């Protein structure tokens, strides 16, 4: 009688054990399938490229293509390396000329990069223009590139100095009207130059850009 009762109890215990073991095994397989691919360069990776073309806010138009080349190796998760010199293709997404009183801005889009497996999509954004202090990149505004703006105090001091120089000729000739007009024009010009207003933006050929991956980049063995 005891044996008859024991057998169903053992069967129930085995069934309960299986219910815990098999889901755990299935969960482990799901975790492995989401692991980083060996030939993946993860989002957030930064690397430097060098422009092959000159890009300017005054002459360049939205949609204009450009090319560049990497100037440092790019390593994937498994240590596979894309050698320096890989060609990058992109285009100007948007551009705003400065005119006389505006501030020049430019946005670049990267299209693809040449790898041993052919052209691969390159989803990245400009993060910095190292070594060029007259240009500022705002990563939080879609990689906006613009002429560096000065502090208001510096701009006002430049305007005051410009006003003195501009008024000098009128003062020397004892012409108050000429002195006032000269001072106003010189002050305005000095203010715009110091604050970055009216200055066009130019990315010279061979300018270095630091870019950051927004999506994974994949390539094969080089």
N, C-alpha and C. Protein backbone atom coordinates (compact mmCIF):
# COMPACT_ATOMS: atom_id res chain seq x y z
N UNK A 1 0.84 -1.21 0.00
CA UNK A 1 0.00 0.00 0.00
C UNK A 1 0.87 1.25 0.00
N UNK A 2 1.91 1.25 0.79
CA UNK A 2 2.82 2.39 0.86
C UNK A 2 3.51 2.59 -0.48
N UNK A 3 3.84 1.46 -1.15
CA UNK A 3 4.52 1.56 -2.45
C UNK A 3 3.61 2.20 -3.49
N UNK A 4 2.32 1.88 -3.43
CA UNK A 4 1.35 2.44 -4.37
C UNK A 4 1.25 3.95 -4.20
N UNK A 5 1.31 4.44 -2.98
CA UNK A 5 1.23 5.87 -2.72
C UNK A 5 2.53 6.57 -3.10
N UNK A 6 3.68 5.93 -2.94
CA UNK A 6 5.00 6.53 -3.18
C UNK A 6 5.24 6.79 -4.66
N UNK A 7 4.78 5.88 -5.55
CA UNK A 7 5.06 6.02 -6.98
C UNK A 7 4.44 7.30 -7.57
N UNK A 8 3.15 7.60 -7.31
CA UNK A 8 2.62 8.87 -7.82
C UNK A 8 3.33 10.09 -7.26
N UNK A 9 3.78 10.02 -6.04
CA UNK A 9 4.49 11.15 -5.43
C UNK A 9 5.82 11.39 -6.14
N UNK A 10 6.55 10.31 -6.47
CA UNK A 10 7.82 10.44 -7.19
C UNK A 10 7.61 11.01 -8.58
N UNK A 11 6.53 10.56 -9.25
CA UNK A 11 6.22 11.06 -10.59
C UNK A 11 5.95 12.56 -10.55
N UNK A 12 5.22 13.00 -9.55
CA UNK A 12 4.92 14.43 -9.42
C UNK A 12 6.18 15.23 -9.17
N UNK A 13 7.10 14.68 -8.38
CA UNK A 13 8.37 15.36 -8.08
C UNK A 13 9.21 15.51 -9.34
N UNK A 14 9.26 14.45 -10.17
CA UNK A 14 10.02 14.50 -11.42
C UNK A 14 9.44 15.55 -12.37
N UNK A 15 8.11 15.61 -12.46
CA UNK A 15 7.46 16.58 -13.33
C UNK A 15 7.78 18.00 -12.90
N UNK A 16 7.77 18.23 -11.57
CA UNK A 16 8.07 19.56 -11.04
C UNK A 16 9.51 19.95 -11.31
N UNK A 17 10.42 18.98 -11.18
CA UNK A 17 11.85 19.23 -11.45
C UNK A 17 12.05 19.61 -12.91
N UNK A 18 11.37 18.89 -13.84
CA UNK A 18 11.51 19.17 -15.28
C UNK A 18 11.02 20.57 -15.61
N UNK A 19 9.96 20.99 -14.94
CA UNK A 19 9.39 22.32 -15.21
C UNK A 19 10.38 23.43 -14.91
N UNK A 20 11.28 23.22 -13.92
CA UNK A 20 12.29 24.22 -13.57
C UNK A 20 13.52 24.11 -14.46
N UNK A 21 13.89 22.88 -14.83
CA UNK A 21 15.14 22.66 -15.58
C UNK A 21 15.03 23.14 -17.01
N UNK A 22 13.96 22.76 -17.72
CA UNK A 22 13.88 23.07 -19.15
C UNK A 22 13.70 24.56 -19.43
N UNK A 23 12.86 25.30 -18.70
CA UNK A 23 12.80 26.74 -18.95
C UNK A 23 14.13 27.43 -18.72
N UNK A 24 14.89 26.96 -17.74
CA UNK A 24 16.21 27.57 -17.47
C UNK A 24 17.10 27.36 -18.67
N UNK A 25 17.06 26.19 -19.27
CA UNK A 25 17.88 25.89 -20.44
C UNK A 25 17.47 26.76 -21.61
N UNK A 26 16.15 26.91 -21.80
CA UNK A 26 15.64 27.74 -22.89
C UNK A 26 16.05 29.19 -22.71
N UNK A 27 16.02 29.69 -21.47
CA UNK A 27 16.41 31.07 -21.18
C UNK A 27 17.87 31.28 -21.48
N UNK A 28 18.70 30.31 -21.22
CA UNK A 28 20.13 30.43 -21.50
C UNK A 28 20.38 30.57 -22.99
N UNK A 29 19.65 29.86 -23.83
CA UNK A 29 19.82 29.95 -25.26
C UNK A 29 19.41 31.32 -25.77
N UNK A 30 18.33 31.86 -25.21
CA UNK A 30 17.88 33.19 -25.61
C UNK A 30 18.92 34.24 -25.27
N UNK A 31 19.56 34.09 -24.09
CA UNK A 31 20.59 35.04 -23.68
C UNK A 31 21.79 34.98 -24.61
N UNK A 32 22.19 33.78 -25.02
CA UNK A 32 23.35 33.65 -25.90
C UNK A 32 23.09 34.26 -27.26
N UNK A 33 21.85 34.17 -27.75
CA UNK A 33 21.54 34.66 -29.09
C UNK A 33 21.60 36.18 -29.16
N UNK A 34 21.50 36.87 -27.98
CA UNK A 34 21.53 38.32 -27.97
C UNK A 34 22.93 38.85 -27.70
N UNK A 35 23.92 37.98 -27.65
CA UNK A 35 25.29 38.41 -27.37
C UNK A 35 25.84 39.24 -28.53
N UNK A 36 26.84 40.08 -28.25
CA UNK A 36 27.44 40.93 -29.26
C UNK A 36 28.11 40.08 -30.34
N UNK A 37 27.86 40.44 -31.60
CA UNK A 37 28.47 39.72 -32.71
C UNK A 37 29.98 39.96 -32.70
N UNK A 38 30.78 38.94 -33.08
CA UNK A 38 32.24 39.08 -33.02
C UNK A 38 32.79 40.16 -33.94
N UNK A 39 32.11 40.45 -35.05
CA UNK A 39 32.63 41.45 -35.98
C UNK A 39 31.91 42.79 -35.84
N UNK A 40 31.35 43.06 -34.66
CA UNK A 40 30.59 44.28 -34.43
C UNK A 40 31.44 45.36 -33.76
N UNK A 41 31.31 46.59 -34.27
CA UNK A 41 31.85 47.77 -33.59
C UNK A 41 30.66 48.46 -32.94
N UNK A 42 30.66 48.54 -31.63
CA UNK A 42 29.48 48.94 -30.86
C UNK A 42 29.14 50.42 -31.02
N UNK A 43 27.86 50.76 -30.88
CA UNK A 43 27.46 52.17 -30.85
C UNK A 43 28.19 52.91 -29.74
N UNK A 44 28.51 54.17 -29.99
CA UNK A 44 29.26 54.96 -29.02
C UNK A 44 30.75 54.99 -29.29
N UNK A 45 31.21 54.13 -30.21
CA UNK A 45 32.64 54.11 -30.58
C UNK A 45 32.99 55.38 -31.33
N UNK A 46 34.09 56.01 -30.97
CA UNK A 46 34.56 57.22 -31.63
C UNK A 46 35.81 56.92 -32.46
N UNK A 47 35.93 57.58 -33.61
CA UNK A 47 37.16 57.48 -34.40
C UNK A 47 37.29 58.71 -35.29
N UNK A 48 38.49 58.93 -35.78
CA UNK A 48 38.80 60.13 -36.56
C UNK A 48 38.79 59.84 -38.06
N UNK A 49 38.29 60.82 -38.83
CA UNK A 49 38.35 60.76 -40.28
C UNK A 49 38.94 62.07 -40.79
N UNK A 50 39.42 62.06 -42.05
CA UNK A 50 39.99 63.27 -42.65
C UNK A 50 39.23 63.57 -43.94
N UNK A 51 38.72 64.80 -44.08
CA UNK A 51 37.95 65.17 -45.25
C UNK A 51 38.81 65.21 -46.51
N UNK A 52 38.25 64.72 -47.61
CA UNK A 52 38.90 64.81 -48.91
C UNK A 52 38.44 66.05 -49.68
N UNK A 53 37.41 66.71 -49.18
CA UNK A 53 36.82 67.85 -49.89
C UNK A 53 36.69 69.05 -48.95
N UNK A 54 36.64 70.24 -49.55
CA UNK A 54 36.35 71.45 -48.77
C UNK A 54 34.84 71.66 -48.74
N UNK A 55 34.30 71.94 -47.57
CA UNK A 55 32.87 72.18 -47.41
C UNK A 55 32.68 73.57 -46.80
N UNK A 56 31.85 74.39 -47.42
CA UNK A 56 31.65 75.75 -46.93
C UNK A 56 30.19 76.14 -46.89
N UNK A 57 29.81 76.91 -45.89
CA UNK A 57 28.42 77.31 -45.73
C UNK A 57 27.96 78.27 -46.82
N UNK A 58 28.89 78.97 -47.44
CA UNK A 58 28.54 79.95 -48.47
C UNK A 58 28.37 79.30 -49.84
N UNK A 59 29.23 78.33 -50.17
CA UNK A 59 29.20 77.73 -51.50
C UNK A 59 28.49 76.38 -51.55
N UNK A 60 28.62 75.57 -50.50
CA UNK A 60 28.08 74.21 -50.52
C UNK A 60 26.56 74.22 -50.33
N UNK A 61 25.90 73.25 -50.96
CA UNK A 61 24.45 73.13 -50.89
C UNK A 61 24.06 71.84 -50.19
N UNK A 62 22.85 71.82 -49.64
CA UNK A 62 22.33 70.59 -49.04
C UNK A 62 22.27 69.50 -50.10
N UNK A 63 22.70 68.31 -49.72
CA UNK A 63 22.72 67.19 -50.65
C UNK A 63 24.05 66.98 -51.33
N UNK A 64 24.95 67.97 -51.23
CA UNK A 64 26.26 67.85 -51.88
C UNK A 64 27.05 66.69 -51.26
N UNK A 65 27.62 65.79 -52.08
CA UNK A 65 28.36 64.66 -51.54
C UNK A 65 29.77 65.05 -51.10
N UNK A 66 30.33 64.27 -50.21
CA UNK A 66 31.73 64.43 -49.84
C UNK A 66 32.30 63.06 -49.49
N UNK A 67 33.61 62.97 -49.48
CA UNK A 67 34.27 61.73 -49.07
C UNK A 67 35.32 62.05 -48.02
N UNK A 68 35.70 61.05 -47.28
CA UNK A 68 36.72 61.18 -46.25
C UNK A 68 37.39 59.83 -46.09
N UNK A 69 38.46 59.78 -45.29
CA UNK A 69 39.14 58.51 -45.00
C UNK A 69 39.43 58.43 -43.51
N UNK A 70 39.33 57.24 -42.98
CA UNK A 70 39.67 57.04 -41.57
C UNK A 70 41.17 57.24 -41.39
N UNK A 71 41.56 57.75 -40.26
CA UNK A 71 42.99 57.99 -40.01
C UNK A 71 43.49 57.20 -38.81
N UNK A 72 42.67 56.24 -38.37
CA UNK A 72 43.10 55.33 -37.31
C UNK A 72 42.33 54.02 -37.47
N UNK A 73 42.91 52.91 -37.01
CA UNK A 73 42.22 51.62 -37.13
C UNK A 73 40.94 51.59 -36.30
N UNK A 74 39.98 50.78 -36.75
CA UNK A 74 38.72 50.59 -36.02
C UNK A 74 38.63 49.11 -35.68
N UNK A 75 38.55 48.78 -34.40
CA UNK A 75 38.56 47.39 -33.95
C UNK A 75 37.16 46.90 -33.60
N UNK A 76 36.84 45.68 -34.06
CA UNK A 76 35.57 45.04 -33.72
C UNK A 76 35.72 44.29 -32.40
N UNK A 77 34.63 43.69 -31.93
CA UNK A 77 34.61 43.02 -30.63
C UNK A 77 35.60 41.86 -30.57
N UNK A 78 35.82 41.17 -31.70
CA UNK A 78 36.72 40.01 -31.70
C UNK A 78 38.16 40.38 -32.02
N UNK A 79 38.45 41.69 -32.09
CA UNK A 79 39.81 42.12 -32.38
C UNK A 79 40.09 42.33 -33.85
N UNK A 80 39.16 41.94 -34.73
CA UNK A 80 39.31 42.20 -36.16
C UNK A 80 39.39 43.71 -36.36
N UNK A 81 40.32 44.14 -37.20
CA UNK A 81 40.58 45.57 -37.34
C UNK A 81 40.35 46.04 -38.78
N UNK A 82 39.63 47.14 -38.91
CA UNK A 82 39.50 47.82 -40.19
C UNK A 82 40.63 48.84 -40.25
N UNK A 83 41.52 48.64 -41.19
CA UNK A 83 42.73 49.46 -41.23
C UNK A 83 42.44 50.92 -41.52
N UNK A 84 43.36 51.78 -41.09
CA UNK A 84 43.26 53.21 -41.38
C UNK A 84 43.29 53.40 -42.90
N UNK A 85 42.58 54.42 -43.37
CA UNK A 85 42.53 54.69 -44.81
C UNK A 85 41.25 54.22 -45.47
N UNK A 86 40.33 53.64 -44.69
CA UNK A 86 39.05 53.19 -45.25
C UNK A 86 38.26 54.41 -45.73
N UNK A 87 37.69 54.30 -46.92
CA UNK A 87 36.95 55.42 -47.49
C UNK A 87 35.56 55.53 -46.87
N UNK A 88 35.16 56.77 -46.60
CA UNK A 88 33.85 57.07 -46.04
C UNK A 88 33.12 57.99 -47.03
N UNK A 89 31.83 57.70 -47.26
CA UNK A 89 31.03 58.56 -48.13
C UNK A 89 29.90 59.19 -47.32
N UNK A 90 29.60 60.44 -47.64
CA UNK A 90 28.52 61.13 -46.95
C UNK A 90 28.00 62.28 -47.79
N UNK A 91 27.10 63.07 -47.20
CA UNK A 91 26.58 64.24 -47.90
C UNK A 91 26.18 65.30 -46.87
N UNK A 92 26.04 66.53 -47.34
CA UNK A 92 25.60 67.62 -46.47
C UNK A 92 24.10 67.50 -46.29
N UNK A 93 23.67 67.36 -45.06
CA UNK A 93 22.25 67.23 -44.78
C UNK A 93 21.55 68.59 -44.85
N UNK A 94 22.09 69.55 -44.08
CA UNK A 94 21.55 70.91 -44.09
C UNK A 94 22.70 71.89 -43.98
N UNK A 95 22.49 73.10 -44.51
CA UNK A 95 23.51 74.14 -44.38
C UNK A 95 22.81 75.49 -44.34
N UNK A 96 23.30 76.38 -43.47
CA UNK A 96 22.76 77.73 -43.35
C UNK A 96 23.90 78.73 -43.49
N UNK A 97 23.83 79.56 -44.52
CA UNK A 97 24.86 80.58 -44.70
C UNK A 97 24.67 81.69 -43.67
N UNK A 98 25.77 82.37 -43.33
CA UNK A 98 25.71 83.41 -42.30
C UNK A 98 25.10 84.70 -42.84
N UNK A 99 25.36 85.01 -44.13
CA UNK A 99 24.92 86.30 -44.64
C UNK A 99 25.70 87.41 -43.94
N UNK A 100 25.01 88.47 -43.57
CA UNK A 100 25.68 89.59 -42.90
C UNK A 100 25.55 89.54 -41.38
N UNK A 101 24.43 89.04 -40.90
CA UNK A 101 24.21 89.08 -39.45
C UNK A 101 23.86 87.72 -38.85
N UNK A 102 23.76 86.68 -39.68
CA UNK A 102 23.43 85.35 -39.17
C UNK A 102 24.65 84.60 -38.71
N UNK A 103 24.43 83.37 -38.27
CA UNK A 103 25.53 82.51 -37.86
C UNK A 103 25.50 81.25 -38.73
N UNK A 104 26.62 80.96 -39.38
CA UNK A 104 26.69 79.83 -40.30
C UNK A 104 26.59 78.51 -39.53
N UNK A 105 25.84 77.56 -40.10
CA UNK A 105 25.68 76.24 -39.51
C UNK A 105 25.69 75.19 -40.61
N UNK A 106 26.10 73.99 -40.22
CA UNK A 106 26.14 72.89 -41.18
C UNK A 106 25.92 71.57 -40.46
N UNK A 107 25.20 70.66 -41.11
CA UNK A 107 24.98 69.32 -40.57
C UNK A 107 25.42 68.29 -41.62
N UNK A 108 26.20 67.30 -41.22
CA UNK A 108 26.69 66.28 -42.14
C UNK A 108 26.03 64.94 -41.85
N UNK A 109 25.78 64.18 -42.91
CA UNK A 109 25.26 62.82 -42.79
C UNK A 109 26.26 61.86 -43.41
N UNK A 110 26.54 60.77 -42.71
CA UNK A 110 27.45 59.74 -43.24
C UNK A 110 26.62 58.60 -43.81
N UNK A 111 26.99 58.17 -45.01
CA UNK A 111 26.20 57.16 -45.73
C UNK A 111 26.76 55.76 -45.56
N UNK A 112 28.04 55.57 -45.91
CA UNK A 112 28.62 54.23 -45.80
C UNK A 112 30.14 54.30 -45.72
N UNK A 113 30.73 53.14 -45.44
CA UNK A 113 32.18 53.02 -45.29
C UNK A 113 32.64 51.76 -46.01
N UNK A 114 33.79 51.82 -46.66
CA UNK A 114 34.28 50.69 -47.44
C UNK A 114 35.05 49.73 -46.54
N UNK A 115 34.61 48.47 -46.53
CA UNK A 115 35.24 47.42 -45.71
C UNK A 115 35.66 46.28 -46.62
N UNK A 116 36.38 45.28 -46.10
CA UNK A 116 36.74 44.11 -46.91
C UNK A 116 35.53 43.37 -47.47
N UNK A 117 34.35 43.55 -46.84
CA UNK A 117 33.12 42.92 -47.32
C UNK A 117 32.34 43.82 -48.26
N UNK A 118 32.91 44.97 -48.63
CA UNK A 118 32.21 45.92 -49.48
C UNK A 118 31.73 47.12 -48.69
N UNK A 119 30.84 47.92 -49.29
CA UNK A 119 30.32 49.12 -48.64
C UNK A 119 29.29 48.74 -47.59
N UNK A 120 29.50 49.23 -46.35
CA UNK A 120 28.61 48.94 -45.24
C UNK A 120 27.98 50.25 -44.74
N UNK A 121 26.70 50.21 -44.34
CA UNK A 121 26.05 51.42 -43.82
C UNK A 121 26.81 52.00 -42.63
N UNK A 122 26.94 53.31 -42.61
CA UNK A 122 27.63 53.99 -41.52
C UNK A 122 26.66 55.02 -40.93
N UNK A 123 26.14 54.72 -39.75
CA UNK A 123 25.22 55.63 -39.06
C UNK A 123 26.02 56.29 -37.93
N UNK A 124 26.41 57.53 -38.15
CA UNK A 124 27.28 58.22 -37.20
C UNK A 124 26.99 59.71 -37.22
N UNK A 125 27.57 60.41 -36.25
CA UNK A 125 27.37 61.86 -36.13
C UNK A 125 28.69 62.53 -35.76
N UNK A 126 28.90 63.73 -36.25
CA UNK A 126 30.10 64.49 -35.89
C UNK A 126 30.04 64.85 -34.41
N UNK A 127 31.15 64.60 -33.72
CA UNK A 127 31.22 64.88 -32.29
C UNK A 127 32.19 66.02 -31.98
N UNK A 128 33.18 66.23 -32.86
CA UNK A 128 34.18 67.26 -32.58
C UNK A 128 34.98 67.55 -33.86
N UNK A 129 35.57 68.74 -33.91
CA UNK A 129 36.52 69.10 -34.96
C UNK A 129 37.82 69.43 -34.22
N UNK A 130 38.59 68.42 -33.86
CA UNK A 130 39.76 68.64 -33.00
C UNK A 130 40.81 69.55 -33.63
N UNK A 131 41.32 70.45 -32.81
CA UNK A 131 42.39 71.34 -33.26
C UNK A 131 41.91 72.60 -33.94
N UNK A 132 40.61 72.72 -34.23
CA UNK A 132 40.07 73.93 -34.86
C UNK A 132 39.20 74.65 -33.84
N UNK A 133 39.76 75.67 -33.21
CA UNK A 133 39.06 76.32 -32.10
C UNK A 133 38.00 77.31 -32.56
N UNK A 134 38.00 77.66 -33.85
CA UNK A 134 37.01 78.61 -34.36
C UNK A 134 35.70 77.93 -34.74
N UNK A 135 35.66 76.61 -34.59
CA UNK A 135 34.46 75.83 -34.95
C UNK A 135 33.99 75.06 -33.73
N UNK A 136 32.67 75.08 -33.53
CA UNK A 136 32.06 74.37 -32.40
C UNK A 136 31.07 73.34 -32.91
N UNK A 137 31.06 72.15 -32.29
CA UNK A 137 30.10 71.11 -32.64
C UNK A 137 29.17 70.88 -31.45
N UNK A 138 27.88 70.93 -31.71
CA UNK A 138 26.88 70.68 -30.68
C UNK A 138 26.25 69.32 -30.94
N UNK A 139 26.75 68.30 -30.23
CA UNK A 139 26.27 66.93 -30.45
C UNK A 139 24.80 66.79 -30.11
N UNK A 140 24.33 67.55 -29.12
CA UNK A 140 22.94 67.46 -28.69
C UNK A 140 21.97 68.08 -29.70
N UNK A 141 22.52 68.77 -30.70
CA UNK A 141 21.67 69.35 -31.75
C UNK A 141 22.00 68.69 -33.09
N UNK A 142 22.02 67.35 -33.07
CA UNK A 142 22.22 66.52 -34.26
C UNK A 142 23.58 66.77 -34.91
N UNK A 143 24.59 67.03 -34.08
CA UNK A 143 25.93 67.24 -34.61
C UNK A 143 26.10 68.55 -35.35
N UNK A 144 25.37 69.58 -34.92
CA UNK A 144 25.45 70.89 -35.57
C UNK A 144 26.87 71.45 -35.51
N UNK A 145 27.38 71.88 -36.66
CA UNK A 145 28.71 72.50 -36.75
C UNK A 145 28.51 73.98 -37.00
N UNK A 146 29.12 74.83 -36.18
CA UNK A 146 28.95 76.27 -36.36
C UNK A 146 30.21 77.01 -35.97
N UNK A 147 30.27 78.28 -36.39
CA UNK A 147 31.37 79.15 -35.99
C UNK A 147 31.27 79.39 -34.50
N UNK A 148 32.40 79.31 -33.81
CA UNK A 148 32.41 79.48 -32.35
C UNK A 148 31.93 80.88 -31.97
N UNK A 149 31.02 80.95 -31.01
CA UNK A 149 30.53 82.24 -30.51
C UNK A 149 31.35 82.67 -29.31
N UNK A 150 31.63 83.96 -29.22
CA UNK A 150 32.38 84.48 -28.09
C UNK A 150 31.43 84.90 -26.98
N UNK A 151 31.97 85.17 -25.83
CA UNK A 151 31.15 85.64 -24.71
C UNK A 151 30.67 87.06 -25.00
N UNK A 152 29.52 87.37 -24.49
CA UNK A 152 28.93 88.69 -24.74
C UNK A 152 29.85 89.82 -24.28
N UNK A 153 30.51 89.64 -23.15
CA UNK A 153 31.39 90.69 -22.63
C UNK A 153 32.53 90.97 -23.60
N UNK A 154 33.09 89.90 -24.17
CA UNK A 154 34.18 90.08 -25.13
C UNK A 154 33.68 90.82 -26.37
N UNK A 155 32.48 90.47 -26.80
CA UNK A 155 31.93 91.13 -27.98
C UNK A 155 31.68 92.62 -27.72
N UNK A 156 31.18 92.95 -26.53
CA UNK A 156 30.92 94.34 -26.19
C UNK A 156 32.22 95.14 -26.09
N UNK A 157 33.26 94.53 -25.52
CA UNK A 157 34.54 95.21 -25.43
C UNK A 157 35.12 95.47 -26.82
N UNK A 158 34.95 94.49 -27.71
CA UNK A 158 35.44 94.67 -29.08
C UNK A 158 34.67 95.79 -29.78
N UNK A 159 33.37 95.86 -29.52
CA UNK A 159 32.55 96.91 -30.12
C UNK A 159 33.00 98.28 -29.64
N UNK A 160 33.28 98.39 -28.35
CA UNK A 160 33.72 99.68 -27.78
C UNK A 160 35.05 100.11 -28.39
N UNK A 161 35.96 99.15 -28.51
CA UNK A 161 37.26 99.47 -29.11
C UNK A 161 37.10 99.87 -30.57
N UNK A 162 36.22 99.15 -31.26
CA UNK A 162 35.98 99.49 -32.66
C UNK A 162 35.38 100.86 -32.83
N UNK A 163 34.51 101.23 -31.92
CA UNK A 163 33.88 102.55 -31.99
C UNK A 163 34.92 103.66 -31.88
N UNK A 164 35.90 103.49 -31.00
CA UNK A 164 36.95 104.50 -30.84
C UNK A 164 37.77 104.66 -32.12
N UNK A 165 38.10 103.51 -32.73
CA UNK A 165 38.89 103.57 -33.97
C UNK A 165 38.07 104.19 -35.09
N UNK A 166 36.79 103.79 -35.18
CA UNK A 166 35.94 104.29 -36.25
C UNK A 166 35.67 105.78 -36.14
N UNK A 167 35.65 106.30 -34.96
CA UNK A 167 35.36 107.72 -34.76
C UNK A 167 36.58 108.60 -34.96
N UNK A 168 37.75 108.01 -35.00
CA UNK A 168 38.99 108.80 -35.02
C UNK A 168 39.06 109.77 -36.18
N UNK A 169 38.70 109.29 -37.39
CA UNK A 169 38.81 110.17 -38.57
C UNK A 169 37.88 111.37 -38.44
N UNK A 170 36.64 111.14 -37.97
CA UNK A 170 35.69 112.24 -37.82
C UNK A 170 36.11 113.22 -36.75
N UNK A 171 36.68 112.72 -35.69
CA UNK A 171 37.17 113.59 -34.62
C UNK A 171 38.30 114.46 -35.11
N UNK A 172 39.20 113.86 -35.87
CA UNK A 172 40.36 114.60 -36.39
C UNK A 172 39.93 115.74 -37.30
N UNK A 173 38.84 115.52 -38.07
CA UNK A 173 38.37 116.56 -38.99
C UNK A 173 37.30 117.44 -38.35
N UNK A 174 37.04 117.23 -37.05
CA UNK A 174 36.06 118.01 -36.29
C UNK A 174 34.65 117.89 -36.89
N UNK A 175 34.36 116.72 -37.49
CA UNK A 175 33.05 116.48 -38.07
C UNK A 175 32.30 115.48 -37.19
N UNK A 176 31.36 116.00 -36.39
CA UNK A 176 30.67 115.14 -35.42
C UNK A 176 29.84 114.06 -36.09
N UNK A 177 29.21 114.39 -37.23
CA UNK A 177 28.38 113.40 -37.93
C UNK A 177 29.22 112.24 -38.44
N UNK A 178 30.35 112.54 -39.06
CA UNK A 178 31.25 111.50 -39.57
C UNK A 178 31.80 110.66 -38.42
N UNK A 179 32.10 111.31 -37.32
CA UNK A 179 32.63 110.61 -36.16
C UNK A 179 31.60 109.61 -35.63
N UNK A 180 30.34 110.06 -35.53
CA UNK A 180 29.28 109.19 -35.01
C UNK A 180 29.02 108.01 -35.95
N UNK A 181 28.95 108.28 -37.26
CA UNK A 181 28.70 107.22 -38.23
C UNK A 181 29.85 106.22 -38.26
N UNK A 182 31.07 106.74 -38.21
CA UNK A 182 32.24 105.86 -38.21
C UNK A 182 32.29 104.98 -36.99
N UNK A 183 31.94 105.56 -35.84
CA UNK A 183 31.94 104.81 -34.59
C UNK A 183 30.89 103.71 -34.62
N UNK A 184 29.69 104.04 -35.12
CA UNK A 184 28.60 103.05 -35.16
C UNK A 184 28.94 101.89 -36.08
N UNK A 185 29.44 102.18 -37.28
CA UNK A 185 29.77 101.13 -38.24
C UNK A 185 30.90 100.25 -37.72
N UNK A 186 31.93 100.84 -37.17
CA UNK A 186 33.06 100.07 -36.66
C UNK A 186 32.66 99.22 -35.46
N UNK A 187 31.81 99.75 -34.60
CA UNK A 187 31.35 99.01 -33.43
C UNK A 187 30.53 97.79 -33.85
N UNK A 188 29.63 98.00 -34.81
CA UNK A 188 28.79 96.90 -35.28
C UNK A 188 29.63 95.80 -35.93
N UNK A 189 30.60 96.22 -36.75
CA UNK A 189 31.47 95.24 -37.40
C UNK A 189 32.28 94.45 -36.39
N UNK A 190 32.84 95.15 -35.42
CA UNK A 190 33.65 94.49 -34.39
C UNK A 190 32.81 93.52 -33.58
N UNK A 191 31.59 93.92 -33.27
CA UNK A 191 30.71 93.05 -32.48
C UNK A 191 30.37 91.78 -33.26
N UNK A 192 30.02 91.92 -34.54
CA UNK A 192 29.65 90.76 -35.33
C UNK A 192 30.82 89.80 -35.50
N UNK A 193 32.00 90.34 -35.75
CA UNK A 193 33.17 89.49 -35.93
C UNK A 193 33.50 88.74 -34.65
N UNK A 194 33.47 89.45 -33.52
CA UNK A 194 33.82 88.82 -32.25
C UNK A 194 32.79 87.79 -31.81
N UNK A 195 31.53 88.06 -32.08
CA UNK A 195 30.48 87.14 -31.65
C UNK A 195 30.23 86.02 -32.65
N UNK A 196 30.89 86.06 -33.80
CA UNK A 196 30.72 85.02 -34.80
C UNK A 196 29.62 85.33 -35.80
N UNK A 197 28.88 86.43 -35.61
CA UNK A 197 27.80 86.77 -36.54
C UNK A 197 28.39 87.23 -37.86
N UNK A 198 27.82 86.74 -38.94
CA UNK A 198 28.28 87.16 -40.26
C UNK A 198 29.46 86.36 -40.79
N UNK A 199 30.02 85.48 -39.99
CA UNK A 199 31.17 84.69 -40.44
C UNK A 199 30.68 83.39 -41.08
N UNK A 200 31.16 83.12 -42.28
CA UNK A 200 30.83 81.87 -42.94
C UNK A 200 31.68 80.73 -42.36
N UNK A 201 31.17 79.54 -42.49
CA UNK A 201 31.83 78.34 -41.95
C UNK A 201 32.52 77.58 -43.07
N UNK A 202 33.78 77.26 -42.89
CA UNK A 202 34.51 76.49 -43.89
C UNK A 202 35.24 75.34 -43.23
N UNK A 203 34.99 74.14 -43.74
CA UNK A 203 35.75 72.96 -43.34
C UNK A 203 36.74 72.69 -44.46
N UNK A 204 37.99 73.01 -44.21
CA UNK A 204 39.01 72.86 -45.25
C UNK A 204 39.25 71.40 -45.59
N UNK A 205 39.77 71.17 -46.80
CA UNK A 205 40.21 69.83 -47.15
C UNK A 205 41.27 69.38 -46.15
N UNK A 206 41.24 68.12 -45.75
CA UNK A 206 42.15 67.53 -44.75
C UNK A 206 41.77 67.87 -43.32
N UNK A 207 40.63 68.56 -43.12
CA UNK A 207 40.16 68.80 -41.76
C UNK A 207 39.83 67.47 -41.09
N UNK A 208 40.25 67.33 -39.84
CA UNK A 208 39.95 66.10 -39.09
C UNK A 208 38.61 66.26 -38.38
N UNK A 209 37.78 65.21 -38.47
CA UNK A 209 36.50 65.17 -37.76
C UNK A 209 36.49 63.95 -36.86
N UNK A 210 36.05 64.14 -35.63
CA UNK A 210 35.82 62.98 -34.75
C UNK A 210 34.34 62.64 -34.85
N UNK A 211 34.05 61.38 -35.21
CA UNK A 211 32.66 60.97 -35.32
C UNK A 211 32.36 59.84 -34.34
N UNK A 212 31.09 59.72 -33.99
CA UNK A 212 30.67 58.72 -33.02
C UNK A 212 29.57 57.86 -33.64
N UNK A 213 29.70 56.55 -33.51
CA UNK A 213 28.72 55.63 -34.07
C UNK A 213 27.40 55.71 -33.31
N UNK A 214 26.30 55.82 -34.05
CA UNK A 214 24.98 55.78 -33.43
C UNK A 214 24.35 54.40 -33.58
N UNK A 215 24.80 53.62 -34.55
CA UNK A 215 24.37 52.23 -34.75
C UNK A 215 25.62 51.36 -34.91
N UNK A 216 25.47 50.06 -34.68
CA UNK A 216 26.60 49.14 -34.82
C UNK A 216 27.13 49.13 -36.24
N UNK A 217 28.43 48.96 -36.35
CA UNK A 217 29.10 48.81 -37.64
C UNK A 217 29.65 47.40 -37.71
N UNK A 218 29.44 46.73 -38.84
CA UNK A 218 29.91 45.34 -39.00
C UNK A 218 30.86 45.26 -40.18
N UNK A 219 31.94 44.48 -40.02
CA UNK A 219 32.83 44.22 -41.15
C UNK A 219 33.53 42.88 -40.93
N UNK A 220 34.05 42.33 -42.02
CA UNK A 220 34.68 41.02 -41.96
C UNK A 220 36.18 41.10 -41.74
N UNK A 221 36.84 39.99 -41.97
CA UNK A 221 38.29 39.90 -41.75
C UNK A 221 39.02 40.72 -42.79
N UNK A 222 39.93 41.58 -42.36
CA UNK A 222 40.70 42.40 -43.30
C UNK A 222 41.92 41.66 -43.77
